[in-house]
Amino acid sequence: MTTIVPIGVTVFFLAMGAYALAAPAALARPFRITVDAPESRSEIRAVYGGFGLAIAAVLVLAVIDGGDFRRGVVVTVGFALAGMAAGRVVSRLVDKGTSFYPIWFYFGVEALAAGLLFAAA
């Protein structure tokens, strides 16, 4: 489990990052984000694409390296995912409710991945 979990999270970030770089408007569409200008496409590509691929890369290095570096990366990515999930909870507290997909679906993915990473650290 200590290797399988980071690899699974790596695949998630790799897929998200590649999709964001290739089709930023399609990635944002389920969230009702309008991506109709070069600036908005750049933002999606940077935050979801570039950041996602960077997280995937550092997770690969962590799996290869093992040791303290691996533990630090796994815990850090776990906290990043937990922060994303917590942001969705805050949004729910200050905004009106939303349907299950996409918000609560991704909350579940983020919270589960964070918990699994913490357990694998």
Protein backbone atom coordinates (compact mmCIF):
# COMPACT_ATOMS: atom_id res chain seq x y z
CA MET A 1 0.00 0.00 0.00
CA THR A 2 2.85 2.39 0.73
CA THR A 3 3.81 2.40 -2.96
CA ILE A 4 0.43 1.73 -4.59
CA VAL A 5 -1.26 4.79 -3.07
CA PRO A 6 1.30 7.37 -4.27
CA ILE A 7 1.28 5.75 -7.71
CA GLY A 8 -2.53 5.96 -7.86
CA VAL A 9 -2.48 9.62 -6.84
CA THR A 10 0.27 10.19 -9.41
CA VAL A 11 -1.97 8.81 -12.16
CA PHE A 12 -4.80 11.13 -11.05
CA PHE A 13 -2.58 14.24 -11.14
CA LEU A 14 -0.96 13.16 -14.41
CA ALA A 15 -4.34 12.70 -16.10
CA MET A 16 -5.73 15.96 -14.71
CA GLY A 17 -2.62 17.88 -15.72
CA ALA A 18 -2.51 16.51 -19.25
CA TYR A 19 -6.25 17.09 -19.73
CA ALA A 20 -5.97 20.67 -18.47
CA LEU A 21 -3.12 21.44 -20.85
CA ALA A 22 -4.92 19.91 -23.82
CA ALA A 23 -8.51 21.03 -23.16
CA PRO A 24 -8.76 23.72 -20.47
CA ALA A 25 -12.36 24.68 -21.29
CA ALA A 26 -13.52 21.06 -21.15
CA LEU A 27 -11.83 20.54 -17.78
CA ALA A 28 -13.54 23.62 -16.30
CA ARG A 29 -16.98 23.07 -17.88
CA PRO A 30 -18.44 20.83 -15.10
CA PHE A 31 -17.69 23.63 -12.62
CA ARG A 32 -19.50 26.22 -14.77
CA ILE A 33 -16.29 28.19 -15.21
CA THR A 34 -16.26 30.16 -18.44
CA VAL A 35 -12.99 29.68 -20.26
CA ASP A 36 -13.38 31.95 -23.26
CA ALA A 37 -10.20 34.02 -23.30
CA PRO A 38 -6.48 33.34 -23.56
CA GLU A 39 -6.05 34.53 -19.96
CA SER A 40 -8.59 32.05 -18.60
CA ARG A 41 -7.14 29.18 -20.64
CA SER A 42 -3.67 30.12 -19.39
CA GLU A 43 -4.90 30.05 -15.78
CA ILE A 44 -6.47 26.60 -16.14
CA ARG A 45 -3.37 25.29 -17.91
CA ALA A 46 -1.09 26.73 -15.21
CA VAL A 47 -3.03 25.77 -12.07
CA TYR A 48 -4.57 22.47 -13.14
CA GLY A 49 -2.13 21.53 -15.88
CA GLY A 50 1.33 22.65 -14.84
CA PHE A 51 0.75 22.19 -11.12
CA GLY A 52 -0.87 18.79 -11.66
CA LEU A 53 2.06 17.56 -13.74
CA ALA A 54 4.55 18.93 -11.20
CA ILE A 55 2.79 17.08 -8.38
CA ALA A 56 2.81 13.90 -10.47
CA ALA A 57 6.54 14.32 -11.13
CA VAL A 58 7.44 14.85 -7.49
CA LEU A 59 5.35 11.82 -6.51
CA VAL A 60 7.26 9.71 -9.04
CA LEU A 61 10.53 10.91 -7.53
CA ALA A 62 9.19 10.10 -4.07
CA VAL A 63 8.31 6.53 -5.07
CA ILE A 64 11.75 6.05 -6.63
CA ASP A 65 13.67 7.65 -3.74
CA GLY A 66 11.86 6.23 -0.76
CA GLY A 67 13.09 7.33 2.66
CA ASP A 68 12.53 10.73 4.20
CA PHE A 69 12.06 12.47 0.84
CA ARG A 70 9.22 10.09 -0.01
CA ARG A 71 7.55 10.62 3.34
CA GLY A 72 7.83 14.40 3.04
CA VAL A 73 6.35 14.46 -0.44
CA VAL A 74 3.53 12.07 0.43
CA VAL A 75 2.56 14.08 3.52
CA THR A 76 2.79 17.39 1.63
CA VAL A 77 0.60 16.18 -1.22
CA GLY A 78 -1.80 14.72 1.35
CA PHE A 79 -2.11 18.12 3.01
CA ALA A 80 -2.59 19.82 -0.36
CA LEU A 81 -5.46 17.47 -1.16
CA ALA A 82 -6.94 17.88 2.32
CA GLY A 83 -6.78 21.65 1.81
CA MET A 84 -8.64 21.34 -1.46
CA ALA A 85 -11.35 19.26 0.22
CA ALA A 86 -11.56 21.74 3.11
CA GLY A 87 -11.99 24.60 0.63
CA ARG A 88 -15.04 22.82 -0.76
CA VAL A 89 -16.51 22.58 2.76
CA VAL A 90 -15.91 26.29 3.35
CA SER A 91 -17.59 27.05 0.04
CA ARG A 92 -20.59 24.97 1.09
CA LEU A 93 -20.84 26.92 4.34
CA VAL A 94 -20.86 30.32 2.63
CA ASP A 95 -22.62 29.46 -0.65
CA LYS A 96 -25.82 27.66 -1.48
CA GLY A 97 -25.80 23.91 -1.88
CA THR A 98 -24.64 22.17 -5.02
CA SER A 99 -25.38 18.89 -6.70
CA PHE A 100 -23.21 15.89 -5.94
CA TYR A 101 -21.26 16.15 -9.19
CA PRO A 102 -18.80 17.72 -9.61
CA ILE A 103 -18.23 19.38 -6.22
CA TRP A 104 -18.93 16.57 -3.77
CA PHE A 105 -17.56 13.91 -6.10
CA TYR A 106 -14.18 15.68 -6.12
CA PHE A 107 -14.44 16.39 -2.40
CA GLY A 108 -14.65 12.62 -1.92
CA VAL A 109 -11.73 11.97 -4.26
CA GLU A 110 -9.58 14.60 -2.53
CA ALA A 111 -10.48 13.52 1.01
CA LEU A 112 -9.98 9.83 0.23
CA ALA A 113 -6.66 10.42 -1.53
CA ALA A 114 -5.45 12.61 1.35
CA GLY A 115 -6.37 9.97 3.92
CA LEU A 116 -4.72 7.22 1.92
CA LEU A 117 -1.56 9.28 1.48
CA PHE A 118 -1.40 10.02 5.21
CA ALA A 119 -1.82 6.30 5.95
CA ALA A 120 0.92 5.43 3.42
CA ALA A 121 3.40 8.00 4.79
